[in-house]
Amino acid sequence: MAKCERCGKTTTFGHNRSFSMKATKRKFRPNLQRVRVMEGGRQVRKTLCTKCIKRLARP
């Protein structure tokens, strides 16, 4: 499933709105990336959203 392993962010749902304001269903998917992270002294592969990757890179 498309889910961030750190914050739990998943796909959310909403509507596309045309010029006539007719609503059709759409998905908002998180920007997930497979990255290597140091965890407990070892490198672990995790699926993280880009916001979490940015947070890990902060000093």
PDB file of N, CA and C in Angstrom:
ATOM      1  N   MET A   1       0.836  -1.180   0.000  1.00  0.00           N
ATOM      2  CA  MET A   1       0.000   0.000   0.000  1.00  0.00           C
ATOM      3  C   MET A   1       0.882   1.244   0.000  1.00  0.00           C
ATOM      4  N   ALA A   2       0.417   2.303  -0.637  1.00  0.00           N
ATOM      5  CA  ALA A   2       1.166   3.563  -0.683  1.00  0.00           C
ATOM      6  C   ALA A   2       1.032   4.266   0.659  1.00  0.00           C
ATOM      7  N   LYS A   3       2.064   4.085   1.509  1.00  0.00           N
ATOM      8  CA  LYS A   3       2.007   4.656   2.849  1.00  0.00           C
ATOM      9  C   LYS A   3       3.416   4.978   3.334  1.00  0.00           C
ATOM     10  N   CYS A   4       3.578   6.159   3.922  1.00  0.00           N
ATOM     11  CA  CYS A   4       4.862   6.547   4.505  1.00  0.00           C
ATOM     12  C   CYS A   4       5.061   5.757   5.795  1.00  0.00           C
ATOM     13  N   GLU A   5       6.247   5.161   5.952  1.00  0.00           N
ATOM     14  CA  GLU A   5       6.509   4.334   7.130  1.00  0.00           C
ATOM     15  C   GLU A   5       6.803   5.160   8.377  1.00  0.00           C
ATOM     16  N   ARG A   6       7.025   6.468   8.232  1.00  0.00           N
ATOM     17  CA  ARG A   6       7.331   7.317   9.384  1.00  0.00           C
ATOM     18  C   ARG A   6       6.102   8.059   9.889  1.00  0.00           C
ATOM     19  N   CYS A   7       5.374   8.728   8.984  1.00  0.00           N
ATOM     20  CA  CYS A   7       4.244   9.554   9.433  1.00  0.00           C
ATOM     21  C   CYS A   7       2.890   8.930   9.102  1.00  0.00           C
ATOM     22  N   GLY A   8       2.866   7.882   8.260  1.00  0.00           N
ATOM     23  CA  GLY A   8       1.613   7.212   7.941  1.00  0.00           C
ATOM     24  C   GLY A   8       0.784   7.892   6.869  1.00  0.00           C
ATOM     25  N   LYS A   9       1.383   8.834   6.136  1.00  0.00           N
ATOM     26  CA  LYS A   9       0.651   9.552   5.081  1.00  0.00           C
ATOM     27  C   LYS A   9       0.236   8.577   3.983  1.00  0.00           C
ATOM     28  N   THR A  10      -1.048   8.642   3.575  1.00  0.00           N
ATOM     29  CA  THR A  10      -1.567   7.761   2.536  1.00  0.00           C
ATOM     30  C   THR A  10      -2.317   8.576   1.487  1.00  0.00           C
ATOM     31  N   THR A  11      -2.883   7.878   0.516  1.00  0.00           N
ATOM     32  CA  THR A  11      -3.672   8.513  -0.530  1.00  0.00           C
ATOM     33  C   THR A  11      -4.943   9.100   0.076  1.00  0.00           C
ATOM     34  N   THR A  12      -5.273  10.340  -0.324  1.00  0.00           N
ATOM     35  CA  THR A  12      -6.528  10.962   0.091  1.00  0.00           C
ATOM     36  C   THR A  12      -7.361  11.216  -1.156  1.00  0.00           C
ATOM     37  N   PHE A  13      -8.639  11.460  -0.964  1.00  0.00           N
ATOM     38  CA  PHE A  13      -9.554  11.597  -2.086  1.00  0.00           C
ATOM     39  C   PHE A  13     -10.207  12.967  -2.099  1.00  0.00           C
ATOM     40  N   GLY A  14     -10.547  13.416  -3.288  1.00  0.00           N
ATOM     41  CA  GLY A  14     -11.201  14.706  -3.448  1.00  0.00           C
ATOM     42  C   GLY A  14     -11.943  14.742  -4.773  1.00  0.00           C
ATOM     43  N   HIS A  15     -12.127  15.940  -5.318  1.00  0.00           N
ATOM     44  CA  HIS A  15     -12.860  16.116  -6.567  1.00  0.00           C
ATOM     45  C   HIS A  15     -12.086  16.966  -7.557  1.00  0.00           C
ATOM     46  N   ASN A  16     -12.198  16.611  -8.841  1.00  0.00           N
ATOM     47  CA  ASN A  16     -11.817  17.508  -9.915  1.00  0.00           C
ATOM     48  C   ASN A  16     -13.021  18.393 -10.162  1.00  0.00           C
ATOM     49  N   ARG A  17     -12.805  19.663 -10.412  1.00  0.00           N
ATOM     50  CA  ARG A  17     -13.913  20.573 -10.708  1.00  0.00           C
ATOM     51  C   ARG A  17     -13.720  21.138 -12.105  1.00  0.00           C
ATOM     52  N   SER A  18     -14.711  20.912 -12.978  1.00  0.00           N
ATOM     53  CA  SER A  18     -14.654  21.456 -14.319  1.00  0.00           C
ATOM     54  C   SER A  18     -15.147  22.906 -14.305  1.00  0.00           C
ATOM     55  N   PHE A  19     -15.123  23.544 -15.478  1.00  0.00           N
ATOM     56  CA  PHE A  19     -15.581  24.939 -15.584  1.00  0.00           C
ATOM     57  C   PHE A  19     -17.051  25.071 -15.159  1.00  0.00           C
ATOM     58  N   SER A  20     -17.826  24.015 -15.406  1.00  0.00           N
ATOM     59  CA  SER A  20     -19.241  24.040 -15.019  1.00  0.00           C
ATOM     60  C   SER A  20     -19.450  23.603 -13.568  1.00  0.00           C
ATOM     61  N   MET A  21     -18.342  23.386 -12.841  1.00  0.00           N
ATOM     62  CA  MET A  21     -18.337  22.969 -11.436  1.00  0.00           C
ATOM     63  C   MET A  21     -18.866  21.548 -11.217  1.00  0.00           C
ATOM     64  N   LYS A  22     -18.863  20.732 -12.271  1.00  0.00           N
ATOM     65  CA  LYS A  22     -19.232  19.324 -12.128  1.00  0.00           C
ATOM     66  C   LYS A  22     -18.097  18.609 -11.400  1.00  0.00           C
ATOM     67  N   ALA A  23     -18.422  17.828 -10.369  1.00  0.00           N
ATOM     68  CA  ALA A  23     -17.414  17.158  -9.550  1.00  0.00           C
ATOM     69  C   ALA A  23     -17.189  15.731 -10.041  1.00  0.00           C
ATOM     70  N   THR A  24     -15.923  15.378 -10.276  1.00  0.00           N
ATOM     71  CA  THR A  24     -15.552  14.000 -10.580  1.00  0.00           C
ATOM     72  C   THR A  24     -14.488  13.587  -9.569  1.00  0.00           C
ATOM     73  N   LYS A  25     -14.478  12.319  -9.206  1.00  0.00           N
ATOM     74  CA  LYS A  25     -13.568  11.834  -8.171  1.00  0.00           C
ATOM     75  C   LYS A  25     -12.128  11.829  -8.647  1.00  0.00           C
ATOM     76  N   ARG A  26     -11.197  12.105  -7.725  1.00  0.00           N
ATOM     77  CA  ARG A  26      -9.771  12.039  -8.004  1.00  0.00           C
ATOM     78  C   ARG A  26      -9.019  11.621  -6.749  1.00  0.00           C
ATOM     79  N   LYS A  27      -7.721  11.312  -6.913  1.00  0.00           N
ATOM     80  CA  LYS A  27      -6.869  10.902  -5.797  1.00  0.00           C
ATOM     81  C   LYS A  27      -5.728  11.899  -5.636  1.00  0.00           C
ATOM     82  N   PHE A  28      -5.351  12.138  -4.382  1.00  0.00           N
ATOM     83  CA  PHE A  28      -4.155  12.901  -4.063  1.00  0.00           C
ATOM     84  C   PHE A  28      -3.164  11.897  -3.492  1.00  0.00           C
ATOM     85  N   ARG A  29      -2.128  11.560  -4.275  1.00  0.00           N
ATOM     86  CA  ARG A  29      -1.168  10.558  -3.836  1.00  0.00           C
ATOM     87  C   ARG A  29       0.050  11.223  -3.199  1.00  0.00           C
ATOM     88  N   PRO A  30       0.578  10.652  -2.101  1.00  0.00           N
ATOM     89  CA  PRO A  30       1.779  11.225  -1.487  1.00  0.00           C
ATOM     90  C   PRO A  30       3.001  10.937  -2.360  1.00  0.00           C
ATOM     91  N   ASN A  31       3.990  11.816  -2.290  1.00  0.00           N
ATOM     92  CA  ASN A  31       5.235  11.641  -3.042  1.00  0.00           C
ATOM     93  C   ASN A  31       6.157  10.738  -2.230  1.00  0.00           C
ATOM     94  N   LEU A  32       6.065   9.435  -2.458  1.00  0.00           N
ATOM     95  CA  LEU A  32       6.834   8.443  -1.695  1.00  0.00           C
ATOM     96  C   LEU A  32       8.104   8.050  -2.423  1.00  0.00           C
ATOM     97  N   GLN A  33       9.180   7.888  -1.659  1.00  0.00           N
ATOM     98  CA  GLN A  33      10.483   7.508  -2.203  1.00  0.00           C
ATOM     99  C   GLN A  33      11.048   6.364  -1.363  1.00  0.00           C
ATOM    100  N   ARG A  34      11.757   5.433  -2.038  1.00  0.00           N
ATOM    101  CA  ARG A  34      12.466   4.367  -1.323  1.00  0.00           C
ATOM    102  C   ARG A  34      13.860   4.887  -0.993  1.00  0.00           C
ATOM    103  N   VAL A  35      14.189   4.999   0.305  1.00  0.00           N
ATOM    104  CA  VAL A  35      15.482   5.549   0.722  1.00  0.00           C
ATOM    105  C   VAL A  35      16.139   4.646   1.753  1.00  0.00           C
ATOM    106  N   ARG A  36      17.474   4.785   1.852  1.00  0.00           N
ATOM    107  CA  ARG A  36      18.225   4.074   2.892  1.00  0.00           C
ATOM    108  C   ARG A  36      18.403   5.016   4.069  1.00  0.00           C
ATOM    109  N   VAL A  37      18.067   4.537   5.275  1.00  0.00           N
ATOM    110  CA  VAL A  37      18.118   5.351   6.481  1.00  0.00           C
ATOM    111  C   VAL A  37      18.930   4.609   7.535  1.00  0.00           C
ATOM    112  N   MET A  38      19.737   5.359   8.289  1.00  0.00           N
ATOM    113  CA  MET A  38      20.469   4.757   9.404  1.00  0.00           C
ATOM    114  C   MET A  38      19.519   4.611  10.587  1.00  0.00           C
ATOM    115  N   GLU A  39      19.364   3.376  11.052  1.00  0.00           N
ATOM    116  CA  GLU A  39      18.456   3.103  12.168  1.00  0.00           C
ATOM    117  C   GLU A  39      19.113   2.083  13.087  1.00  0.00           C
ATOM    118  N   GLY A  40      19.428   2.509  14.286  1.00  0.00           N
ATOM    119  CA  GLY A  40      20.070   1.611  15.244  1.00  0.00           C
ATOM    120  C   GLY A  40      21.455   1.160  14.802  1.00  0.00           C
ATOM    121  N   GLY A  41      22.184   2.042  14.090  1.00  0.00           N
ATOM    122  CA  GLY A  41      23.529   1.705  13.647  1.00  0.00           C
ATOM    123  C   GLY A  41      23.598   0.895  12.368  1.00  0.00           C
ATOM    124  N   ARG A  42      22.454   0.609  11.738  1.00  0.00           N
ATOM    125  CA  ARG A  42      22.449  -0.133  10.479  1.00  0.00           C
ATOM    126  C   ARG A  42      21.635   0.623   9.433  1.00  0.00           C
ATOM    127  N   GLN A  43      21.945   0.351   8.172  1.00  0.00           N
ATOM    128  CA  GLN A  43      21.183   0.958   7.094  1.00  0.00           C
ATOM    129  C   GLN A  43      19.938   0.116   6.826  1.00  0.00           C
ATOM    130  N   VAL A  44      18.779   0.792   6.782  1.00  0.00           N
ATOM    131  CA  VAL A  44      17.511   0.117   6.542  1.00  0.00           C
ATOM    132  C   VAL A  44      16.829   0.806   5.374  1.00  0.00           C
ATOM    133  N   ARG A  45      16.189   0.028   4.518  1.00  0.00           N
ATOM    134  CA  ARG A  45      15.448   0.589   3.395  1.00  0.00           C
ATOM    135  C   ARG A  45      14.027   0.896   3.852  1.00  0.00           C
ATOM    136  N   LYS A  46      13.564   2.137   3.624  1.00  0.00           N
ATOM    137  CA  LYS A  46      12.228   2.539   4.036  1.00  0.00           C
ATOM    138  C   LYS A  46      11.541   3.311   2.924  1.00  0.00           C
ATOM    139  N   THR A  47      10.211   3.279   2.942  1.00  0.00           N
ATOM    140  CA  THR A  47       9.415   4.079   2.024  1.00  0.00           C
ATOM    141  C   THR A  47       8.947   5.304   2.796  1.00  0.00           C
ATOM    142  N   LEU A  48       9.477   6.484   2.417  1.00  0.00           N
ATOM    143  CA  LEU A  48       9.167   7.718   3.132  1.00  0.00           C
ATOM    144  C   LEU A  48       8.619   8.767   2.168  1.00  0.00           C
ATOM    145  N   CYS A  49       7.763   9.659   2.704  1.00  0.00           N
ATOM    146  CA  CYS A  49       7.311  10.791   1.898  1.00  0.00           C
ATOM    147  C   CYS A  49       8.427  11.832   1.881  1.00  0.00           C
ATOM    148  N   THR A  50       8.393  12.728   0.911  1.00  0.00           N
ATOM    149  CA  THR A  50       9.469  13.696   0.747  1.00  0.00           C
ATOM    150  C   THR A  50       9.555  14.646   1.935  1.00  0.00           C
ATOM    151  N   LYS A  51       8.441  14.927   2.594  1.00  0.00           N
ATOM    152  CA  LYS A  51       8.466  15.795   3.773  1.00  0.00           C
ATOM    153  C   LYS A  51       9.282  15.143   4.891  1.00  0.00           C
ATOM    154  N   CYS A  52       9.125  13.853   5.102  1.00  0.00           N
ATOM    155  CA  CYS A  52       9.894  13.140   6.127  1.00  0.00           C
ATOM    156  C   CYS A  52      11.375  13.064   5.750  1.00  0.00           C
ATOM    157  N   ILE A  53      11.682  12.909   4.473  1.00  0.00           N
ATOM    158  CA  ILE A  53      13.073  12.873   4.023  1.00  0.00           C
ATOM    159  C   ILE A  53      13.739  14.211   4.309  1.00  0.00           C
ATOM    160  N   LYS A  54      13.002  15.314   4.052  1.00  0.00           N
ATOM    161  CA  LYS A  54      13.519  16.651   4.341  1.00  0.00           C
ATOM    162  C   LYS A  54      13.780  16.826   5.830  1.00  0.00           C
ATOM    163  N   ARG A  55      12.873  16.328   6.674  1.00  0.00           N
ATOM    164  CA  ARG A  55      13.027  16.434   8.123  1.00  0.00           C
ATOM    165  C   ARG A  55      14.263  15.687   8.606  1.00  0.00           C
ATOM    166  N   LEU A  56      14.549  14.510   8.000  1.00  0.00           N
ATOM    167  CA  LEU A  56      15.716  13.719   8.402  1.00  0.00           C
ATOM    168  C   LEU A  56      17.015  14.417   8.009  1.00  0.00           C
ATOM    169  N   ALA A  57      17.000  15.180   6.919  1.00  0.00           N
ATOM    170  CA  ALA A  57      18.203  15.846   6.421  1.00  0.00           C
ATOM    171  C   ALA A  57      18.543  17.096   7.234  1.00  0.00           C
ATOM    172  N   ARG A  58      17.588  17.617   7.995  1.00  0.00           N
ATOM    173  CA  ARG A  58      17.841  18.831   8.790  1.00  0.00           C
ATOM    174  C   ARG A  58      18.873  18.577   9.871  1.00  0.00           C
ATOM    175  N   PRO A  59      19.751  19.576  10.139  1.00  0.00           N
ATOM    176  CA  PRO A  59      20.759  19.390  11.190  1.00  0.00           C
ATOM    177  C   PRO A  59      20.164  19.501  12.581  1.00  0.00           C
TER     178      PRO A  59
END
